[in-house]
Amino acid sequence: MAGSREDKRRVVVKSVEVTTSCHSTEDCEKVRTALLNLLPKTLQSSVKIDSETLHGFYGNRILLMKAEAVDGELLLKHLAENLSDTEKSILSASFKLRYDVRTGRLYLRFSKQDAYAGSLRLLDSDDVVKVVVHFSNARREEEVKALLRQIGLIR
């Protein structure tokens, strides 16, 4: 019985949202590929990508693409396996800026061009694929960091 109570308090990855936008000047199939490249091969064929058409300030079409990973921990392990040591160090150093303890969410932004080419690079600008990781039972930042260290995403 005590083990089950302990499991309820353990930090877990509840879900992961992956979103990006395709502007009218971009090839949306390439943007879709960039989004999919952030997912493990085993999830790429089964993930459903929802699209919503928006309009920019000047009326230009923007296609918002969003996928939700069924196995969030598998996705994080995939990111950990494909991030360079330098990127992991950057993520570790900037963790406080990327993690919201109030909501239990971690915000990551990856270069859309690099993702299309099959590599992962953190980028804090606009032309990105955004990854939002939702955690359950994440009461303290250190608990989330411990899980991410265990997965290999941070140092």
Protein backbone atom coordinates (compact mmCIF):
# COMPACT_ATOMS: atom_id res chain seq x y z
CA MET A 1 0.00 0.00 0.00
CA ALA A 2 2.81 2.42 0.81
CA GLY A 3 4.36 1.76 -2.61
CA SER A 4 1.20 2.86 -4.39
CA ARG A 5 1.07 6.06 -2.34
CA GLU A 6 4.70 6.71 -3.28
CA ASP A 7 3.90 6.15 -6.98
CA LYS A 8 1.15 8.76 -6.76
CA ARG A 9 3.69 11.32 -5.57
CA ARG A 10 6.34 10.46 -8.15
CA VAL A 11 6.85 13.08 -10.88
CA VAL A 12 5.68 11.74 -14.24
CA VAL A 13 5.41 13.11 -17.76
CA LYS A 14 1.68 13.67 -18.18
CA SER A 15 1.74 14.79 -21.83
CA VAL A 16 3.84 16.56 -24.45
CA GLU A 17 2.55 19.03 -27.03
CA VAL A 18 4.59 19.73 -30.15
CA THR A 19 3.55 22.76 -32.21
CA THR A 20 4.86 24.82 -35.08
CA SER A 21 3.56 27.20 -37.68
CA CYS A 22 3.81 27.15 -41.44
CA HIS A 23 3.78 30.58 -43.03
CA SER A 24 2.61 31.23 -46.58
CA THR A 25 6.25 31.49 -47.70
CA GLU A 26 7.08 27.99 -46.39
CA ASP A 27 6.53 24.50 -47.75
CA CYS A 28 4.10 22.99 -45.23
CA GLU A 29 5.23 19.43 -45.97
CA LYS A 30 8.77 20.40 -44.97
CA VAL A 31 7.46 22.07 -41.82
CA ARG A 32 5.44 18.92 -41.03
CA THR A 33 8.63 16.88 -41.49
CA ALA A 34 10.46 19.19 -39.06
CA LEU A 35 7.73 18.60 -36.47
CA LEU A 36 7.81 14.83 -36.99
CA ASN A 37 11.61 14.74 -36.73
CA LEU A 38 11.31 15.73 -33.07
CA LEU A 39 9.37 12.51 -32.44
CA PRO A 40 10.80 9.00 -32.18
CA LYS A 41 10.30 6.92 -35.35
CA THR A 42 7.89 4.65 -33.44
CA LEU A 43 5.55 7.58 -32.78
CA GLN A 44 5.83 9.34 -36.16
CA SER A 45 3.39 7.10 -38.00
CA SER A 46 0.76 7.04 -35.26
CA VAL A 47 0.72 10.66 -34.14
CA LYS A 48 -2.17 12.80 -35.34
CA ILE A 49 -1.23 16.32 -36.40
CA ASP A 50 -4.08 18.79 -36.05
CA SER A 51 -3.95 21.89 -38.22
CA GLU A 52 -5.65 25.22 -37.80
CA THR A 53 -5.58 28.00 -40.37
CA LEU A 54 -4.89 31.43 -38.94
CA HIS A 55 -4.24 34.78 -40.60
CA GLY A 56 -1.34 37.10 -39.88
CA PHE A 57 -1.43 40.86 -39.44
CA TYR A 58 -1.45 41.46 -43.21
CA GLY A 59 -3.96 38.69 -43.94
CA ASN A 60 -1.30 36.13 -44.84
CA ARG A 61 -2.19 32.49 -44.17
CA ILE A 62 -0.49 30.74 -41.27
CA LEU A 63 -1.09 27.04 -40.68
CA LEU A 64 -0.68 26.09 -37.02
CA MET A 65 0.30 22.42 -36.63
CA LYS A 66 -0.07 20.64 -33.31
CA ALA A 67 0.60 17.08 -32.19
CA GLU A 68 0.29 15.51 -28.78
CA ALA A 69 2.62 12.65 -27.94
CA VAL A 70 0.93 9.62 -26.46
CA ASP A 71 4.13 8.50 -24.74
CA GLY A 72 5.74 11.68 -23.44
CA GLU A 73 8.58 9.96 -21.64
CA LEU A 74 9.55 8.13 -24.84
CA LEU A 75 9.63 11.47 -26.65
CA LEU A 76 11.88 12.98 -23.96
CA LYS A 77 14.23 9.99 -24.19
CA HIS A 78 14.36 10.53 -27.96
CA LEU A 79 15.25 14.20 -27.45
CA ALA A 80 17.91 13.21 -24.91
CA GLU A 81 19.46 10.72 -27.35
CA ASN A 82 19.58 13.30 -30.13
CA LEU A 83 20.68 16.43 -28.29
CA SER A 84 24.38 17.18 -28.23
CA ASP A 85 26.21 17.54 -24.92
CA THR A 86 26.40 21.29 -25.60
CA GLU A 87 22.63 21.54 -26.06
CA LYS A 88 22.06 19.55 -22.86
CA SER A 89 24.39 21.93 -21.00
CA ILE A 90 22.46 24.91 -22.38
CA LEU A 91 19.20 23.31 -21.30
CA SER A 92 20.58 22.64 -17.82
CA ALA A 93 21.89 26.19 -17.46
CA SER A 94 18.63 27.75 -18.67
CA PHE A 95 16.27 25.38 -16.86
CA LYS A 96 14.86 28.05 -14.55
CA LEU A 97 13.85 30.11 -17.58
CA ARG A 98 12.19 27.16 -19.29
CA TYR A 99 10.33 25.53 -16.41
CA ASP A 100 7.20 27.02 -14.82
CA VAL A 101 6.85 25.52 -11.35
CA ARG A 102 3.30 26.93 -10.96
CA THR A 103 1.94 24.98 -13.95
CA GLY A 104 4.41 22.07 -13.96
CA ARG A 105 5.38 22.76 -17.58
CA LEU A 106 8.72 22.75 -19.35
CA TYR A 107 9.01 24.89 -22.49
CA LEU A 108 11.51 23.94 -25.19
CA ARG A 109 12.03 25.59 -28.59
CA PHE A 110 13.95 23.87 -31.38
CA SER A 111 15.22 25.30 -34.65
CA LYS A 112 12.74 24.40 -37.38
CA GLN A 113 15.45 24.30 -40.08
CA ASP A 114 17.71 22.04 -38.03
CA ALA A 115 14.78 19.77 -37.14
CA TYR A 116 13.93 19.45 -40.84
CA ALA A 117 17.55 18.44 -41.49
CA GLY A 118 17.28 15.80 -38.75
CA SER A 119 19.25 17.45 -35.96
CA LEU A 120 18.11 19.11 -32.76
CA ARG A 121 19.25 22.56 -31.70
CA LEU A 122 17.66 24.73 -29.04
CA LEU A 123 16.71 28.14 -30.38
CA ASP A 124 15.04 31.03 -28.61
CA SER A 125 13.53 32.89 -31.55
CA ASP A 126 10.35 32.68 -33.62
CA ASP A 127 11.09 30.14 -36.35
CA VAL A 128 10.85 27.10 -34.10
CA VAL A 129 9.09 23.89 -33.24
CA LYS A 130 7.79 24.32 -29.70
CA VAL A 131 7.66 21.46 -27.23
CA VAL A 132 5.66 21.85 -24.02
CA VAL A 133 6.10 19.06 -21.47
CA HIS A 134 3.35 18.74 -18.84
CA PHE A 135 4.33 17.02 -15.59
CA SER A 136 2.12 15.51 -12.88
CA ASN A 137 3.07 15.66 -9.20
CA ALA A 138 5.74 18.26 -9.95
CA ARG A 139 5.68 20.19 -6.71
CA ARG A 140 9.34 21.15 -6.69
CA GLU A 141 11.72 22.08 -9.47
CA GLU A 142 14.38 19.69 -8.17
CA GLU A 143 12.01 16.72 -8.57
CA VAL A 144 11.52 17.53 -12.25
CA LYS A 145 15.25 18.01 -12.74
CA ALA A 146 15.89 14.61 -11.14
CA LEU A 147 13.51 12.95 -13.64
CA LEU A 148 15.11 14.79 -16.57
CA ARG A 149 18.58 13.76 -15.38
CA GLN A 150 17.40 10.16 -15.15
CA ILE A 151 16.09 10.37 -18.73
CA GLY A 152 19.37 12.01 -19.84
CA LEU A 153 17.90 15.30 -21.06
CA ILE A 154 19.85 17.50 -18.65
CA ARG A 155 23.12 17.16 -16.80
